[in-house]
Amino acid sequence: MSQQNNKSAFPRAIGERMSEGGGRTYNNSQPGMSKRFYAACKAMEGLLSSERVNSSIEIKNLADKAYKIADEMINQENQ
């Protein structure tokens, strides 16, 4: 997945300062979590609410499913 398609979900700004025109500008901004990670977390939440997890292999399989869902959501958004 390209960085272009995986922009930050909640970027945070550090070092806020006022520009000459009175607007705010930011330097040293931190990207926050990626949209892909956020979508995968939400997908994982839904998957865990409907499935019982008994082993680390099952957890890995659920995480893989969550990221596949997230990737498809991002692909749909970019169409």
Protein backbone atom coordinates (compact mmCIF):
# COMPACT_ATOMS: atom_id res chain seq x y z
CA MET A 1 0.00 0.00 0.00
CA SER A 2 1.39 3.36 -0.93
CA GLN A 3 1.88 6.12 1.62
CA GLN A 4 -0.44 8.30 -0.49
CA ASN A 5 -3.34 5.91 0.15
CA ASN A 6 -2.56 5.51 3.85
CA LYS A 7 -2.79 9.04 5.19
CA SER A 8 -3.06 9.78 8.89
CA ALA A 9 -6.40 9.35 10.56
CA PHE A 10 -5.67 11.77 13.40
CA PRO A 11 -2.58 13.87 12.72
CA ARG A 12 -1.26 15.83 15.67
CA ALA A 13 0.49 19.16 15.41
CA ILE A 14 3.45 20.18 17.54
CA GLY A 15 5.12 23.55 17.59
CA GLU A 16 2.11 25.63 16.67
CA ARG A 17 2.95 29.21 15.81
CA MET A 18 1.14 32.15 14.29
CA SER A 19 1.91 33.11 10.71
CA GLU A 20 2.30 36.70 9.51
CA GLY A 21 -1.27 36.68 8.18
CA GLY A 22 -2.65 35.73 11.58
CA GLY A 23 -3.32 32.10 10.67
CA ARG A 24 -1.81 29.17 12.44
CA THR A 25 0.99 27.13 10.94
CA TYR A 26 2.49 23.97 12.29
CA ASN A 27 5.98 22.63 12.22
CA ASN A 28 7.30 19.29 13.42
CA SER A 29 3.88 17.70 12.97
CA GLN A 30 3.50 14.07 13.92
CA PRO A 31 1.46 11.87 11.64
CA GLY A 32 -0.61 10.12 14.31
CA MET A 33 -2.06 6.70 13.51
CA SER A 34 -2.61 5.65 9.93
CA LYS A 35 -6.07 5.34 8.45
CA ARG A 36 -5.26 1.69 7.72
CA PHE A 37 -4.43 0.96 11.37
CA TYR A 38 -7.54 2.79 12.59
CA ALA A 39 -9.79 0.91 10.16
CA ALA A 40 -8.17 -2.40 11.11
CA CYS A 41 -8.75 -1.67 14.80
CA LYS A 42 -12.42 -1.00 14.15
CA ALA A 43 -12.72 -4.14 12.02
CA MET A 44 -10.98 -6.17 14.73
CA GLU A 45 -13.42 -4.80 17.30
CA GLY A 46 -16.32 -6.06 15.22
CA LEU A 47 -14.72 -9.43 14.55
CA LEU A 48 -13.98 -9.97 18.23
CA SER A 49 -17.53 -9.12 19.20
CA SER A 50 -18.83 -12.02 17.13
CA GLU A 51 -16.07 -14.65 17.42
CA ARG A 52 -14.57 -16.53 20.33
CA VAL A 53 -10.75 -16.52 20.31
CA ASN A 54 -8.96 -19.45 21.90
CA SER A 55 -5.39 -19.31 20.60
CA SER A 56 -2.68 -17.00 19.30
CA ILE A 57 -3.14 -18.52 15.82
CA GLU A 58 -6.79 -17.48 15.87
CA ILE A 59 -5.77 -13.97 16.96
CA LYS A 60 -3.32 -13.74 14.03
CA ASN A 61 -6.03 -14.91 11.63
CA LEU A 62 -8.44 -12.28 12.98
CA ALA A 63 -5.77 -9.58 12.66
CA ASP A 64 -5.14 -10.65 9.05
CA LYS A 65 -8.89 -10.42 8.35
CA ALA A 66 -9.07 -7.00 9.99
CA TYR A 67 -6.27 -5.64 7.79
CA LYS A 68 -7.87 -7.13 4.66
CA ILE A 69 -11.08 -5.32 5.58
CA ALA A 70 -9.16 -2.09 6.23
CA ASP A 71 -7.32 -2.36 2.90
CA GLU A 72 -10.57 -2.85 1.04
CA MET A 73 -12.15 0.13 2.82
CA ILE A 74 -9.22 2.32 1.80
CA ASN A 75 -9.41 1.01 -1.78
CA GLN A 76 -13.12 1.84 -1.90
CA GLU A 77 -12.45 5.32 -0.54
CA ASN A 78 -9.89 5.99 -3.28
CA GLN A 79 -12.15 4.98 -6.18
